[in-house]
C-alpha atoms as a PDB file:
ATOM      1  CA  MET A   1     266.692 276.324 162.118  1.00  0.00           C
ATOM      2  CA  CYS A   2     263.471 278.193 160.941  1.00  0.00           C
ATOM      3  CA  ALA A   3     264.226 277.898 157.475  1.00  0.00           C
ATOM      4  CA  LYS A   4     264.989 274.445 157.580  1.00  0.00           C
ATOM      5  CA  SER A   5     262.435 272.420 155.334  1.00  0.00           C
ATOM      6  CA  GLY A   6     260.226 269.328 156.017  1.00  0.00           C
ATOM      7  CA  GLN A   7     259.585 270.022 159.669  1.00  0.00           C
ATOM      8  CA  ILE A   8     256.911 268.432 161.590  1.00  0.00           C
ATOM      9  CA  THR A   9     255.661 270.691 164.049  1.00  0.00           C
ATOM     10  CA  PRO A  10     253.041 270.479 166.936  1.00  0.00           C
ATOM     11  CA  GLN A  11     249.379 271.165 166.580  1.00  0.00           C
ATOM     12  CA  GLY A  12     248.835 274.845 167.542  1.00  0.00           C
ATOM     13  CA  ALA A  13     252.229 275.629 166.150  1.00  0.00           C
ATOM     14  CA  TYR A  14     253.520 277.695 163.475  1.00  0.00           C
ATOM     15  CA  ASN A  15     254.589 276.025 160.461  1.00  0.00           C
ATOM     16  CA  ILE A  16     257.797 278.515 158.877  1.00  0.00           C
ATOM     17  CA  GLU A  17     257.684 276.708 155.916  1.00  0.00           C
ATOM     18  CA  THR A  18     253.700 277.266 155.249  1.00  0.00           C
ATOM     19  CA  MET A  19     254.421 280.992 156.324  1.00  0.00           C
ATOM     20  CA  PHE A  20     257.132 281.889 153.839  1.00  0.00           C
ATOM     21  CA  LYS A  21     255.446 279.979 150.725  1.00  0.00           C
ATOM     22  CA  PRO A  22     253.087 283.142 150.177  1.00  0.00           C
ATOM     23  CA  ILE A  23     256.126 285.489 150.352  1.00  0.00           C
ATOM     24  CA  LEU A  24     258.235 283.412 148.345  1.00  0.00           C
ATOM     25  CA  GLY A  25     255.576 282.893 145.736  1.00  0.00           C
ATOM     26  CA  ASN A  26     254.866 286.647 145.327  1.00  0.00           C
ATOM     27  CA  ARG A  27     258.286 287.386 144.294  1.00  0.00           C
ATOM     28  CA  GLY A  28     259.622 288.055 148.335  1.00  0.00           C
ATOM     29  CA  VAL A  29     263.212 287.288 149.757  1.00  0.00           C
ATOM     30  CA  VAL A  30     263.557 285.179 152.682  1.00  0.00           C
ATOM     31  CA  ALA A  31     267.471 284.619 153.365  1.00  0.00           C
ATOM     32  CA  ALA A  32     269.188 282.418 156.287  1.00  0.00           C
ATOM     33  CA  CYS A  33     272.053 283.955 158.086  1.00  0.00           C
ATOM     34  CA  GLY A  34     275.081 282.197 156.430  1.00  0.00           C
ATOM     35  CA  THR A  35     277.036 282.028 159.540  1.00  0.00           C
ATOM     36  CA  CYS A  36     274.377 280.484 161.622  1.00  0.00           C
ATOM     37  CA  MET A  37     273.531 277.787 158.727  1.00  0.00           C
ATOM     38  CA  GLU A  38     277.768 277.288 158.707  1.00  0.00           C
ATOM     39  CA  SER A  39     278.075 276.849 162.403  1.00  0.00           C
ATOM     40  CA  ARG A  40     274.804 274.350 162.371  1.00  0.00           C
ATOM     41  CA  GLY A  41     275.673 272.208 159.572  1.00  0.00           C
ATOM     42  CA  ILE A  42     272.789 273.357 157.316  1.00  0.00           C
ATOM     43  CA  THR A  43     273.431 273.056 153.901  1.00  0.00           C
ATOM     44  CA  LYS A  44     271.323 275.585 151.030  1.00  0.00           C
ATOM     45  CA  GLU A  45     269.830 271.805 150.246  1.00  0.00           C
ATOM     46  CA  LEU A  46     268.279 271.599 153.470  1.00  0.00           C
ATOM     47  CA  LEU A  47     266.278 275.219 153.934  1.00  0.00           C
ATOM     48  CA  ILE A  48     263.040 275.492 152.539  1.00  0.00           C
ATOM     49  CA  GLU A  49     262.903 275.943 148.092  1.00  0.00           C
ATOM     50  CA  GLY A  50     263.508 279.498 147.465  1.00  0.00           C
ATOM     51  CA  VAL A  51     265.330 280.577 150.709  1.00  0.00           C
ATOM     52  CA  ALA A  52     268.851 281.999 149.972  1.00  0.00           C
ATOM     53  CA  LYS A  53     272.090 281.788 152.209  1.00  0.00           C
ATOM     54  CA  GLY A  54     272.328 285.554 153.465  1.00  0.00           C
ATOM     55  CA  THR A  55     275.241 287.535 154.313  1.00  0.00           C
ATOM     56  CA  TRP A  56     275.950 290.060 156.759  1.00  0.00           C
ATOM     57  CA  ASP A  57     276.222 292.484 154.060  1.00  0.00           C
ATOM     58  CA  GLU A  58     272.700 291.736 152.652  1.00  0.00           C
ATOM     59  CA  LEU A  59     271.339 292.226 155.782  1.00  0.00           C
ATOM     60  CA  ALA A  60     272.775 295.457 156.650  1.00  0.00           C
ATOM     61  CA  ASP A  61     271.510 296.811 153.116  1.00  0.00           C
ATOM     62  CA  TRP A  62     268.186 295.391 153.849  1.00  0.00           C
ATOM     63  CA  THR A  63     267.982 296.629 157.333  1.00  0.00           C
ATOM     64  CA  LEU A  64     269.082 299.980 156.174  1.00  0.00           C
ATOM     65  CA  TRP A  65     266.759 299.976 152.728  1.00  0.00           C
ATOM     66  CA  CYS A  66     263.488 298.610 154.555  1.00  0.00           C
ATOM     67  CA  ASP A  67     261.074 300.474 157.305  1.00  0.00           C
ATOM     68  CA  LYS A  68     260.240 297.129 158.950  1.00  0.00           C
ATOM     69  CA  THR A  69     262.016 294.036 159.898  1.00  0.00           C
ATOM     70  CA  VAL A  70     260.877 290.641 160.901  1.00  0.00           C
ATOM     71  CA  ASN A  71     262.936 288.422 162.702  1.00  0.00           C
ATOM     72  CA  LEU A  72     262.134 284.686 163.363  1.00  0.00           C
END
């Protein structure tokens, strides 16, 4: 749900779309859990522009490749 576009956040809350834009603008990669998306009826069109629908295989590869992870 974090990567859903057009969210209206209350005063003082973090807006994930605003936080992701610099990452995506600097050739970073953000993926949403495809299983979670399907179970909640979230389509690619509802995601923040540039966020991909990810897979468990991608998550495993990225986790093994990187030295740090961020989980939102």
